[in-house]
Protein backbone atom coordinates (compact mmCIF):
# COMPACT_ATOMS: atom_id res chain seq x y z
CA MET A 1 -107.08 68.50 37.36
CA SER A 2 -103.79 66.95 36.27
CA ALA A 3 -100.47 68.78 36.54
CA THR A 4 -100.25 69.01 32.75
CA THR A 5 -103.69 70.56 32.49
CA LEU A 6 -102.97 72.99 35.31
CA LEU A 7 -99.72 74.05 33.63
CA LEU A 8 -101.55 74.64 30.36
CA VAL A 9 -104.22 76.75 32.08
CA LEU A 10 -101.59 78.86 33.83
CA ASP A 11 -99.62 79.19 30.60
CA LEU A 12 -102.70 80.41 28.73
CA ALA A 13 -103.46 82.85 31.56
CA GLY A 14 -99.99 84.30 31.08
CA VAL A 15 -100.54 84.54 27.33
CA PHE A 16 -103.81 86.40 27.94
CA ALA A 17 -102.17 88.84 30.36
CA PHE A 18 -99.31 89.57 27.99
CA ALA A 19 -101.69 90.09 25.08
CA LEU A 20 -103.61 92.65 27.15
CA ASP A 21 -100.33 94.34 28.03
CA GLY A 22 -99.10 94.49 24.45
CA ALA A 23 -102.32 95.87 23.01
CA LEU A 24 -102.84 98.40 25.81
CA THR A 25 -99.27 99.62 25.55
CA GLY A 26 -99.64 100.12 21.82
CA ILE A 27 -102.96 101.92 22.21
CA ARG A 28 -101.50 104.28 24.79
CA SER A 29 -98.11 104.84 23.15
CA ALA A 30 -98.89 104.87 19.44
CA ARG A 31 -101.68 105.63 17.00
CA ILE A 32 -102.71 102.11 16.05
CA ASP A 33 -105.85 100.54 14.57
CA ILE A 34 -107.39 97.17 15.37
CA VAL A 35 -104.80 95.36 13.24
CA GLY A 36 -102.02 97.07 15.16
CA ALA A 37 -103.59 96.09 18.49
CA ILE A 38 -103.82 92.45 17.39
CA VAL A 39 -100.24 92.38 16.10
CA LEU A 40 -98.86 93.94 19.27
CA GLY A 41 -100.98 91.70 21.50
CA LEU A 42 -99.90 88.50 19.76
CA THR A 43 -96.27 89.62 19.58
CA THR A 44 -96.12 90.39 23.29
CA ALA A 45 -97.91 87.20 24.28
CA MET A 46 -96.04 84.75 22.08
CA GLY A 47 -92.82 86.44 21.00
CA GLY A 48 -90.68 85.26 23.91
CA GLY A 49 -91.77 81.65 23.58
CA ILE A 50 -91.19 81.68 19.83
CA ILE A 51 -87.67 83.06 20.25
CA ARG A 52 -86.94 80.43 22.90
CA ASP A 53 -88.20 77.53 20.78
CA LEU A 54 -86.31 78.69 17.70
CA LEU A 55 -83.11 78.85 19.75
CA LEU A 56 -83.88 75.37 21.06
CA GLY A 57 -84.35 74.17 17.49
CA VAL A 58 -87.97 73.02 17.88
CA THR A 59 -91.29 74.06 16.36
CA PRO A 60 -92.72 76.88 18.52
CA ALA A 61 -95.40 75.60 20.89
CA THR A 62 -97.76 78.39 19.84
CA PHE A 63 -97.92 76.88 16.34
CA GLN A 64 -98.74 73.42 17.64
CA ASP A 65 -101.76 74.36 19.76
CA TRP A 66 -104.44 76.71 18.40
CA ARG A 67 -105.47 77.72 21.91
CA TYR A 68 -102.42 79.94 22.35
CA ILE A 69 -103.29 82.09 19.35
CA ALA A 70 -106.99 82.12 20.26
CA VAL A 71 -106.33 83.28 23.82
CA ALA A 72 -103.82 85.91 22.71
CA LEU A 73 -106.27 87.18 20.09
CA ALA A 74 -109.02 87.39 22.72
CA GLY A 75 -106.77 89.42 25.01
CA ALA A 76 -105.76 91.82 22.26
CA LEU A 77 -109.36 92.39 21.13
CA LEU A 78 -110.54 92.89 24.70
CA ALA A 79 -107.86 95.53 25.19
CA PHE A 80 -108.84 97.26 21.94
CA PHE A 81 -112.56 97.49 22.63
CA LEU A 82 -112.41 98.04 26.40
CA ASN A 83 -109.21 100.03 26.72
CA ARG A 84 -110.85 102.89 28.64
CA VAL A 85 -112.31 100.49 31.19
CA LEU A 86 -109.08 98.53 31.51
CA GLU A 87 -107.09 101.71 32.16
CA ARG A 88 -108.87 101.85 35.53
CA LEU A 89 -107.76 98.29 36.31
CA ALA A 90 -104.05 99.00 36.03
CA MET A 91 -102.98 97.23 39.22
CA PRO A 92 -104.95 93.98 38.70
CA ILE A 93 -103.61 93.76 35.16
CA ALA A 94 -100.07 94.48 36.39
CA LEU A 95 -100.40 91.65 38.92
CA LEU A 96 -101.66 89.30 36.21
CA ASP A 97 -98.75 90.36 34.03
CA ALA A 98 -96.32 89.64 36.89
CA ALA A 99 -97.86 86.20 37.26
CA GLY A 100 -97.41 85.58 33.54
CA LEU A 101 -93.78 86.70 33.72
CA SER A 102 -93.19 84.31 36.63
CA LEU A 103 -94.70 81.35 34.83
CA PHE A 104 -92.96 82.05 31.53
CA CYS A 105 -89.47 82.32 33.02
CA VAL A 106 -89.95 79.01 34.83
CA ILE A 107 -91.29 77.26 31.73
CA GLY A 108 -88.50 78.66 29.57
CA ALA A 109 -85.70 77.54 31.90
CA THR A 110 -87.30 74.12 32.45
CA LYS A 111 -87.71 73.50 28.73
CA ALA A 112 -84.10 74.53 28.04
CA LEU A 113 -82.85 72.08 30.67
CA GLU A 114 -85.00 69.32 29.20
CA TYR A 115 -83.30 69.88 25.84
CA GLY A 116 -79.87 69.54 27.40
CA PHE A 117 -78.81 73.18 27.53
CA GLY A 118 -76.31 74.31 30.17
CA PRO A 119 -77.24 76.30 33.30
CA VAL A 120 -76.26 79.72 31.93
CA GLN A 121 -78.05 79.15 28.65
CA ALA A 122 -81.16 77.85 30.44
CA THR A 123 -81.25 80.90 32.70
CA ILE A 124 -80.98 83.23 29.73
CA LEU A 125 -83.67 81.38 27.79
CA GLY A 126 -85.94 81.49 30.82
CA ALA A 127 -85.61 85.25 30.98
CA VAL A 128 -86.01 85.59 27.22
CA THR A 129 -89.27 83.65 27.40
CA GLY A 130 -90.58 86.19 29.90
CA VAL A 131 -89.35 89.45 28.41
CA GLY A 132 -88.82 88.67 24.71
CA GLY A 133 -92.36 89.46 23.60
CA GLY A 134 -92.44 92.83 25.34
CA THR A 135 -89.09 93.72 23.83
CA LEU A 136 -90.36 92.94 20.33
CA ARG A 137 -93.48 95.01 21.05
CA ASP A 138 -91.39 98.03 22.04
CA VAL A 139 -89.28 97.73 18.90
CA LEU A 140 -92.45 97.68 16.77
CA ILE A 141 -93.75 100.90 18.34
CA ASN A 142 -90.31 102.50 18.03
CA ARG A 143 -89.45 103.02 21.69
CA LEU A 144 -86.60 101.95 23.95
CA PRO A 145 -87.48 98.46 25.25
CA THR A 146 -88.72 98.51 28.83
CA VAL A 147 -86.13 95.94 29.91
CA LEU A 148 -83.33 98.29 28.80
CA SER A 149 -84.67 101.54 30.24
CA ARG A 150 -83.46 102.76 33.63
CA ASP A 151 -86.69 104.77 33.95
CA SER A 152 -88.83 101.60 34.13
CA ASP A 153 -89.44 99.34 37.11
CA ILE A 154 -87.17 96.29 37.00
CA TYR A 155 -88.63 93.57 34.80
CA ALA A 156 -85.84 91.38 33.43
CA THR A 157 -84.20 90.94 36.85
CA PRO A 158 -87.16 89.05 38.41
CA ALA A 159 -87.28 86.79 35.35
CA LEU A 160 -83.56 86.06 35.62
CA LEU A 161 -83.94 85.27 39.33
CA GLY A 162 -86.83 82.90 38.69
CA ALA A 163 -85.00 81.10 35.89
CA ALA A 164 -81.81 80.88 37.98
CA ILE A 165 -83.68 79.22 40.85
CA VAL A 166 -85.00 76.55 38.47
CA VAL A 167 -81.48 75.93 37.19
CA LEU A 168 -79.92 75.80 40.67
CA ALA A 169 -82.61 73.42 41.90
CA ALA A 170 -81.98 71.14 38.95
CA ALA A 171 -78.23 71.21 39.61
CA ALA A 172 -78.92 70.21 43.23
CA GLY A 173 -81.09 67.33 42.09
CA GLY A 174 -84.28 69.01 43.26
CA GLN A 175 -85.97 69.74 39.96
CA GLY A 176 -89.71 69.31 40.38
CA ALA A 177 -92.95 71.03 41.26
CA TRP A 178 -91.61 72.62 44.44
CA ALA A 179 -88.71 74.22 42.58
CA ALA A 180 -91.03 75.63 39.92
CA VAL A 181 -93.38 77.03 42.57
CA LEU A 182 -90.50 78.58 44.51
CA ALA A 183 -88.98 80.13 41.38
CA ALA A 184 -92.31 81.56 40.24
CA ALA A 185 -93.02 82.90 43.72
CA VAL A 186 -89.67 84.68 43.91
CA CYS A 187 -90.08 86.20 40.46
CA PHE A 188 -93.63 87.33 41.23
CA THR A 189 -92.70 88.81 44.61
CA VAL A 190 -89.72 90.76 43.32
CA ARG A 191 -91.74 92.13 40.40
CA VAL A 192 -94.66 93.19 42.62
CA VAL A 193 -92.36 94.82 45.18
CA ALA A 194 -90.59 96.63 42.34
CA LEU A 195 -93.95 97.96 41.15
CA ARG A 196 -94.90 99.03 44.68
CA TYR A 197 -91.65 100.82 45.49
CA ARG A 198 -90.66 101.81 41.94
CA TRP A 199 -87.37 99.91 41.99
CA ASN A 200 -85.09 100.59 39.04
CA ALA A 201 -81.89 98.95 37.89
CA PRO A 202 -78.79 101.09 38.49
CA GLY A 203 -77.99 103.64 35.79
CA PRO A 204 -74.60 105.00 34.74
CA PRO A 205 -72.71 106.81 37.55
CA GLY A 206 -73.57 110.50 37.81
CA THR A 207 -76.98 110.21 36.15
CA ARG A 208 -80.46 110.21 37.62
CA PRO A 209 -83.60 108.52 36.27
CA SER A 210 -86.11 110.91 34.74
CA GLY A 211 -88.94 109.14 36.52
CA ALA A 212 -90.20 105.59 36.25
CA GLU A 213 -92.89 105.17 33.62
CA ASP A 214 -96.13 103.29 34.22
CA ARG A 215 -96.60 100.07 32.29
CA TYR A 216 -100.28 100.84 31.75
């Protein structure tokens, strides 16, 4: 399997995981029908990449390859019809979601660098690729986005770390497969540890979190 094919497979796996996440979150948090599940699934899976590509000034990749929409649709429908079964698979789905986040932040930062964006902008776009879809999903179901809530396990921070590693490696002349693997590994590890130990970003002084909420 070529590197390009492997990257596409991993990218589609991330899309599938995010679509599951978006649909399951909507089913659990709001009274939605099958159309709502599909909309939330596709938004979560593809929203971050679309925002990134629009900021880069290019046609979103999800509109150039039908497989992205097909995989996201499959994930959303699976979540809709098997939501009770999937509720019992919370940790495996969370791990798959963490893997998708890791891949997306690396792809986002790499693509921004390829289009000539600066290190800060590339880091931001890498994080946006990972968390943008989930943020749009939360807005659609009228709740405070997970990445902004101090009661949720850290999510944007791992994406920022992963994207920053890609940028730093490129600045050091080491941009390549090893840098992408390292960045994804760091993002994945920090996210999984945050899930395990319920790490939260610091809140305002003198306040206490009301309790971290589950993602599933």
